[in-house]
Amino acid sequence: QRELVAQITKDGNIDYADFVKGRFII
C-alpha cells in the first residue's frame, strides 16, 4: 500500500515516518 514518508504543513511543521527518520529531509 501507499505509505506516508514525510509531510510539511503550511506552518512549517514536519513529520517523518519512523522508517526514514534521521535519513530523509523534507
PDB file of all heavy atoms in Angstrom:
ATOM      1  N   GLN A   1       0.821  -1.193   0.000  1.00  0.00           N
ATOM      2  CA  GLN A   1       0.000   0.000   0.000  1.00  0.00           C
ATOM      3  C   GLN A   1       0.861   1.251   0.000  1.00  0.00           C
ATOM      4  O   GLN A   1       2.020   1.232   0.434  1.00  0.00           O
ATOM      5  CB  GLN A   1      -0.908  -0.003   1.241  1.00  0.00           C
ATOM      6  CG  GLN A   1      -2.021  -1.041   1.205  1.00  0.00           C
ATOM      7  CD  GLN A   1      -3.004  -0.854   2.345  1.00  0.00           C
ATOM      8  OE1 GLN A   1      -2.661  -0.364   3.414  1.00  0.00           O
ATOM      9  NE2 GLN A   1      -4.245  -1.251   2.115  1.00  0.00           N
ATOM     10  N   ARG A   2       0.283   2.314  -0.496  1.00  0.00           N
ATOM     11  CA  ARG A   2       0.970   3.593  -0.463  1.00  0.00           C
ATOM     12  C   ARG A   2       1.110   4.029   0.989  1.00  0.00           C
ATOM     13  O   ARG A   2       0.183   3.916   1.789  1.00  0.00           O
ATOM     14  CB  ARG A   2       0.190   4.625  -1.275  1.00  0.00           C
ATOM     15  CG  ARG A   2       0.932   5.902  -1.562  1.00  0.00           C
ATOM     16  CD  ARG A   2       0.176   6.776  -2.543  1.00  0.00           C
ATOM     17  NE  ARG A   2       0.036   6.126  -3.847  1.00  0.00           N
ATOM     18  CZ  ARG A   2      -0.422   6.741  -4.927  1.00  0.00           C
ATOM     19  NH1 ARG A   2      -0.797   8.024  -4.857  1.00  0.00           N
ATOM     20  NH2 ARG A   2      -0.539   6.092  -6.072  1.00  0.00           N
ATOM     21  N   GLU A   3       2.287   4.569   1.331  1.00  0.00           N
ATOM     22  CA  GLU A   3       2.531   4.966   2.714  1.00  0.00           C
ATOM     23  C   GLU A   3       3.153   6.354   2.779  1.00  0.00           C
ATOM     24  O   GLU A   3       3.898   6.761   1.868  1.00  0.00           O
ATOM     25  CB  GLU A   3       3.450   3.956   3.411  1.00  0.00           C
ATOM     26  CG  GLU A   3       4.793   3.747   2.753  1.00  0.00           C
ATOM     27  CD  GLU A   3       5.606   2.629   3.407  1.00  0.00           C
ATOM     28  OE1 GLU A   3       5.130   2.020   4.387  1.00  0.00           O
ATOM     29  OE2 GLU A   3       6.735   2.382   2.931  1.00  0.00           O
ATOM     30  N   LEU A   4       2.858   7.037   3.851  1.00  0.00           N
ATOM     31  CA  LEU A   4       3.396   8.377   4.055  1.00  0.00           C
ATOM     32  C   LEU A   4       4.873   8.291   4.415  1.00  0.00           C
ATOM     33  O   LEU A   4       5.262   7.503   5.278  1.00  0.00           O
ATOM     34  CB  LEU A   4       2.625   9.077   5.173  1.00  0.00           C
ATOM     35  CG  LEU A   4       3.107  10.470   5.568  1.00  0.00           C
ATOM     36  CD1 LEU A   4       2.905  11.458   4.428  1.00  0.00           C
ATOM     37  CD2 LEU A   4       2.376  10.944   6.811  1.00  0.00           C
ATOM     38  N   VAL A   5       5.676   9.128   3.773  1.00  0.00           N
ATOM     39  CA  VAL A   5       7.110   9.179   4.047  1.00  0.00           C
ATOM     40  C   VAL A   5       7.432  10.397   4.905  1.00  0.00           C
ATOM     41  O   VAL A   5       8.089  10.292   5.939  1.00  0.00           O
ATOM     42  CB  VAL A   5       7.914   9.237   2.745  1.00  0.00           C
ATOM     43  CG1 VAL A   5       9.398   9.410   3.028  1.00  0.00           C
ATOM     44  CG2 VAL A   5       7.671   7.989   1.907  1.00  0.00           C
ATOM     45  N   ALA A   6       6.970  11.564   4.468  1.00  0.00           N
ATOM     46  CA  ALA A   6       7.256  12.804   5.192  1.00  0.00           C
ATOM     47  C   ALA A   6       6.224  13.852   4.789  1.00  0.00           C
ATOM     48  O   ALA A   6       5.711  13.815   3.682  1.00  0.00           O
ATOM     49  CB  ALA A   6       8.658  13.305   4.889  1.00  0.00           C
ATOM     50  N   GLN A   7       5.944  14.755   5.707  1.00  0.00           N
ATOM     51  CA  GLN A   7       4.993  15.805   5.415  1.00  0.00           C
ATOM     52  C   GLN A   7       5.431  17.117   6.032  1.00  0.00           C
ATOM     53  O   GLN A   7       6.147  17.127   7.040  1.00  0.00           O
ATOM     54  CB  GLN A   7       3.599  15.441   5.923  1.00  0.00           C
ATOM     55  CG  GLN A   7       3.488  15.260   7.413  1.00  0.00           C
ATOM     56  CD  GLN A   7       2.087  14.881   7.855  1.00  0.00           C
ATOM     57  OE1 GLN A   7       1.173  14.702   7.051  1.00  0.00           O
ATOM     58  NE2 GLN A   7       1.891  14.742   9.158  1.00  0.00           N
ATOM     59  N   ILE A   8       5.016  18.203   5.407  1.00  0.00           N
ATOM     60  CA  ILE A   8       5.316  19.538   5.915  1.00  0.00           C
ATOM     61  C   ILE A   8       4.063  20.383   5.756  1.00  0.00           C
ATOM     62  O   ILE A   8       3.440  20.423   4.695  1.00  0.00           O
ATOM     63  CB  ILE A   8       6.530  20.152   5.176  1.00  0.00           C
ATOM     64  CG1 ILE A   8       6.869  21.529   5.747  1.00  0.00           C
ATOM     65  CG2 ILE A   8       6.307  20.219   3.670  1.00  0.00           C
ATOM     66  CD1 ILE A   8       8.242  22.044   5.289  1.00  0.00           C
ATOM     67  N   THR A   9       3.670  21.037   6.844  1.00  0.00           N
ATOM     68  CA  THR A   9       2.446  21.830   6.820  1.00  0.00           C
ATOM     69  C   THR A   9       2.728  23.266   6.404  1.00  0.00           C
ATOM     70  O   THR A   9       3.886  23.695   6.320  1.00  0.00           O
ATOM     71  CB  THR A   9       1.762  21.828   8.193  1.00  0.00           C
ATOM     72  OG1 THR A   9       2.588  22.577   9.108  1.00  0.00           O
ATOM     73  CG2 THR A   9       1.563  20.423   8.710  1.00  0.00           C
ATOM     74  N   LYS A  10       1.646  23.996   6.206  1.00  0.00           N
ATOM     75  CA  LYS A  10       1.752  25.403   5.850  1.00  0.00           C
ATOM     76  C   LYS A  10       2.505  26.192   6.916  1.00  0.00           C
ATOM     77  O   LYS A  10       3.209  27.160   6.608  1.00  0.00           O
ATOM     78  CB  LYS A  10       0.339  25.961   5.658  1.00  0.00           C
ATOM     79  CG  LYS A  10       0.262  27.402   5.228  1.00  0.00           C
ATOM     80  CD  LYS A  10      -1.148  27.774   4.832  1.00  0.00           C
ATOM     81  CE  LYS A  10      -2.135  27.564   5.945  1.00  0.00           C
ATOM     82  NZ  LYS A  10      -3.493  28.037   5.577  1.00  0.00           N
ATOM     83  N   ASP A  11       2.361  25.744   8.171  1.00  0.00           N
ATOM     84  CA  ASP A  11       3.027  26.423   9.276  1.00  0.00           C
ATOM     85  C   ASP A  11       4.467  25.957   9.476  1.00  0.00           C
ATOM     86  O   ASP A  11       5.141  26.435  10.390  1.00  0.00           O
ATOM     87  CB  ASP A  11       2.248  26.193  10.572  1.00  0.00           C
ATOM     88  CG  ASP A  11       0.851  26.762  10.505  1.00  0.00           C
ATOM     89  OD1 ASP A  11       0.664  27.789   9.811  1.00  0.00           O
ATOM     90  OD2 ASP A  11      -0.065  26.191  11.123  1.00  0.00           O
ATOM     91  N   GLY A  12       4.889  25.011   8.665  1.00  0.00           N
ATOM     92  CA  GLY A  12       6.268  24.548   8.753  1.00  0.00           C
ATOM     93  C   GLY A  12       6.485  23.347   9.656  1.00  0.00           C
ATOM     94  O   GLY A  12       7.623  22.950   9.891  1.00  0.00           O
ATOM     95  N   ASN A  13       5.399  22.764  10.166  1.00  0.00           N
ATOM     96  CA  ASN A  13       5.547  21.571  10.986  1.00  0.00           C
ATOM     97  C   ASN A  13       5.898  20.380  10.107  1.00  0.00           C
ATOM     98  O   ASN A  13       5.303  20.183   9.047  1.00  0.00           O
ATOM     99  CB  ASN A  13       4.256  21.291  11.752  1.00  0.00           C
ATOM    100  CG  ASN A  13       3.956  22.374  12.752  1.00  0.00           C
ATOM    101  OD1 ASN A  13       4.831  22.804  13.495  1.00  0.00           O
ATOM    102  ND2 ASN A  13       2.719  22.845  12.770  1.00  0.00           N
ATOM    103  N   ILE A  14       6.841  19.597  10.563  1.00  0.00           N
ATOM    104  CA  ILE A  14       7.362  18.478   9.788  1.00  0.00           C
ATOM    105  C   ILE A  14       7.232  17.176  10.568  1.00  0.00           C
ATOM    106  O   ILE A  14       7.488  17.140  11.771  1.00  0.00           O
ATOM    107  CB  ILE A  14       8.842  18.714   9.419  1.00  0.00           C
ATOM    108  CG1 ILE A  14       8.966  19.894   8.447  1.00  0.00           C
ATOM    109  CG2 ILE A  14       9.467  17.462   8.818  1.00  0.00           C
ATOM    110  CD1 ILE A  14      10.403  20.285   8.134  1.00  0.00           C
ATOM    111  N   ASP A  15       6.833  16.143   9.870  1.00  0.00           N
ATOM    112  CA  ASP A  15       6.770  14.804  10.452  1.00  0.00           C
ATOM    113  C   ASP A  15       7.363  13.806   9.463  1.00  0.00           C
ATOM    114  O   ASP A  15       7.206  13.963   8.254  1.00  0.00           O
ATOM    115  CB  ASP A  15       5.331  14.403  10.761  1.00  0.00           C
ATOM    116  CG  ASP A  15       4.788  15.109  11.982  1.00  0.00           C
ATOM    117  OD1 ASP A  15       5.448  15.036  13.041  1.00  0.00           O
ATOM    118  OD2 ASP A  15       3.733  15.747  11.878  1.00  0.00           O
ATOM    119  N   TYR A  16       7.988  12.799  10.030  1.00  0.00           N
ATOM    120  CA  TYR A  16       8.576  11.732   9.230  1.00  0.00           C
ATOM    121  C   TYR A  16       8.056  10.384   9.684  1.00  0.00           C
ATOM    122  O   TYR A  16       7.782  10.168  10.867  1.00  0.00           O
ATOM    123  CB  TYR A  16      10.103  11.727   9.363  1.00  0.00           C
ATOM    124  CG  TYR A  16      10.793  12.952   8.843  1.00  0.00           C
ATOM    125  CD1 TYR A  16      11.183  13.962   9.711  1.00  0.00           C
ATOM    126  CD2 TYR A  16      11.065  13.092   7.486  1.00  0.00           C
ATOM    127  CE1 TYR A  16      11.820  15.099   9.243  1.00  0.00           C
ATOM    128  CE2 TYR A  16      11.703  14.225   7.008  1.00  0.00           C
ATOM    129  CZ  TYR A  16      12.078  15.223   7.884  1.00  0.00           C
ATOM    130  OH  TYR A  16      12.713  16.343   7.413  1.00  0.00           O
ATOM    131  N   ALA A  17       7.954   9.469   8.731  1.00  0.00           N
ATOM    132  CA  ALA A  17       7.693   8.088   9.101  1.00  0.00           C
ATOM    133  C   ALA A  17       8.908   7.555   9.847  1.00  0.00           C
ATOM    134  O   ALA A  17      10.047   7.958   9.571  1.00  0.00           O
ATOM    135  CB  ALA A  17       7.426   7.255   7.856  1.00  0.00           C
ATOM    136  N   ASP A  18       8.669   6.646  10.766  1.00  0.00           N
ATOM    137  CA  ASP A  18       9.778   6.126  11.572  1.00  0.00           C
ATOM    138  C   ASP A  18      10.872   5.510  10.708  1.00  0.00           C
ATOM    139  O   ASP A  18      12.059   5.598  11.046  1.00  0.00           O
ATOM    140  CB  ASP A  18       9.249   5.078  12.561  1.00  0.00           C
ATOM    141  CG  ASP A  18       8.470   5.705  13.699  1.00  0.00           C
ATOM    142  OD1 ASP A  18       8.605   6.935  13.917  1.00  0.00           O
ATOM    143  OD2 ASP A  18       7.728   4.974  14.386  1.00  0.00           O
ATOM    144  N   PHE A  19      10.488   4.911   9.593  1.00  0.00           N
ATOM    145  CA  PHE A  19      11.477   4.188   8.801  1.00  0.00           C
ATOM    146  C   PHE A  19      12.408   5.106   8.005  1.00  0.00           C
ATOM    147  O   PHE A  19      13.352   4.632   7.376  1.00  0.00           O
ATOM    148  CB  PHE A  19      10.798   3.178   7.861  1.00  0.00           C
ATOM    149  CG  PHE A  19       9.686   3.734   7.024  1.00  0.00           C
ATOM    150  CD1 PHE A  19       9.958   4.484   5.886  1.00  0.00           C
ATOM    151  CD2 PHE A  19       8.368   3.510   7.365  1.00  0.00           C
ATOM    152  CE1 PHE A  19       8.927   4.992   5.109  1.00  0.00           C
ATOM    153  CE2 PHE A  19       7.322   4.013   6.600  1.00  0.00           C
ATOM    154  CZ  PHE A  19       7.605   4.766   5.472  1.00  0.00           C
ATOM    155  N   VAL A  20      12.160   6.435   8.023  1.00  0.00           N
ATOM    156  CA  VAL A  20      13.071   7.358   7.333  1.00  0.00           C
ATOM    157  C   VAL A  20      13.670   8.399   8.265  1.00  0.00           C
ATOM    158  O   VAL A  20      14.497   9.204   7.841  1.00  0.00           O
ATOM    159  CB  VAL A  20      12.376   8.074   6.149  1.00  0.00           C
ATOM    160  CG1 VAL A  20      11.845   7.066   5.149  1.00  0.00           C
ATOM    161  CG2 VAL A  20      11.298   9.026   6.628  1.00  0.00           C
ATOM    162  N   LYS A  21      13.271   8.398   9.526  1.00  0.00           N
ATOM    163  CA  LYS A  21      13.794   9.385  10.457  1.00  0.00           C
ATOM    164  C   LYS A  21      15.315   9.301  10.543  1.00  0.00           C
ATOM    165  O   LYS A  21      15.882   8.214  10.648  1.00  0.00           O
ATOM    166  CB  LYS A  21      13.180   9.174  11.842  1.00  0.00           C
ATOM    167  CG  LYS A  21      11.772   9.723  11.976  1.00  0.00           C
ATOM    168  CD  LYS A  21      11.234   9.534  13.384  1.00  0.00           C
ATOM    169  CE  LYS A  21       9.823  10.099  13.498  1.00  0.00           C
ATOM    170  NZ  LYS A  21       9.252   9.874  14.847  1.00  0.00           N
ATOM    171  N   GLY A  22      15.933  10.463  10.462  1.00  0.00           N
ATOM    172  CA  GLY A  22      17.374  10.519  10.526  1.00  0.00           C
ATOM    173  C   GLY A  22      18.056  10.312   9.189  1.00  0.00           C
ATOM    174  O   GLY A  22      19.273  10.480   9.078  1.00  0.00           O
ATOM    175  N   ARG A  23      17.287   9.930   8.157  1.00  0.00           N
ATOM    176  CA  ARG A  23      17.885   9.692   6.835  1.00  0.00           C
ATOM    177  C   ARG A  23      17.332  10.633   5.770  1.00  0.00           C
ATOM    178  O   ARG A  23      18.064  11.035   4.861  1.00  0.00           O
ATOM    179  CB  ARG A  23      17.623   8.245   6.404  1.00  0.00           C
ATOM    180  CG  ARG A  23      18.190   7.197   7.338  1.00  0.00           C
ATOM    181  CD  ARG A  23      18.106   5.805   6.734  1.00  0.00           C
ATOM    182  NE  ARG A  23      16.728   5.386   6.510  1.00  0.00           N
ATOM    183  CZ  ARG A  23      16.252   4.967   5.334  1.00  0.00           C
ATOM    184  NH1 ARG A  23      17.033   4.936   4.272  1.00  0.00           N
ATOM    185  NH2 ARG A  23      14.978   4.581   5.214  1.00  0.00           N
ATOM    186  N   PHE A  24      16.066  10.965   5.858  1.00  0.00           N
ATOM    187  CA  PHE A  24      15.402  11.802   4.855  1.00  0.00           C
ATOM    188  C   PHE A  24      15.105  13.176   5.437  1.00  0.00           C
ATOM    189  O   PHE A  24      14.833  13.319   6.640  1.00  0.00           O
ATOM    190  CB  PHE A  24      14.088  11.176   4.401  1.00  0.00           C
ATOM    191  CG  PHE A  24      14.207   9.913   3.586  1.00  0.00           C
ATOM    192  CD1 PHE A  24      15.422   9.241   3.460  1.00  0.00           C
ATOM    193  CD2 PHE A  24      13.103   9.391   2.943  1.00  0.00           C
ATOM    194  CE1 PHE A  24      15.531   8.081   2.706  1.00  0.00           C
ATOM    195  CE2 PHE A  24      13.180   8.240   2.195  1.00  0.00           C
ATOM    196  CZ  PHE A  24      14.399   7.574   2.080  1.00  0.00           C
ATOM    197  N   ILE A  25      15.136  14.176   4.569  1.00  0.00           N
ATOM    198  CA  ILE A  25      14.807  15.537   4.978  1.00  0.00           C
ATOM    199  C   ILE A  25      13.850  16.139   3.956  1.00  0.00           C
ATOM    200  O   ILE A  25      14.172  16.192   2.754  1.00  0.00           O
ATOM    201  CB  ILE A  25      16.064  16.413   5.079  1.00  0.00           C
ATOM    202  CG1 ILE A  25      17.043  15.835   6.097  1.00  0.00           C
ATOM    203  CG2 ILE A  25      15.686  17.847   5.455  1.00  0.00           C
ATOM    204  CD1 ILE A  25      18.395  16.525   6.100  1.00  0.00           C
ATOM    205  N   ILE A  26      12.705  16.594   4.441  1.00  0.00           N
ATOM    206  CA  ILE A  26      11.746  17.277   3.577  1.00  0.00           C
ATOM    207  C   ILE A  26      11.921  18.781   3.754  1.00  0.00           C
ATOM    208  O   ILE A  26      12.190  19.267   4.850  1.00  0.00           O
ATOM    209  CB  ILE A  26      10.293  16.850   3.895  1.00  0.00           C
ATOM    210  CG1 ILE A  26       9.324  17.401   2.849  1.00  0.00           C
ATOM    211  CG2 ILE A  26       9.880  17.267   5.297  1.00  0.00           C
ATOM    212  CD1 ILE A  26       7.899  16.838   2.982  1.00  0.00           C
TER     213      ILE A  26
END
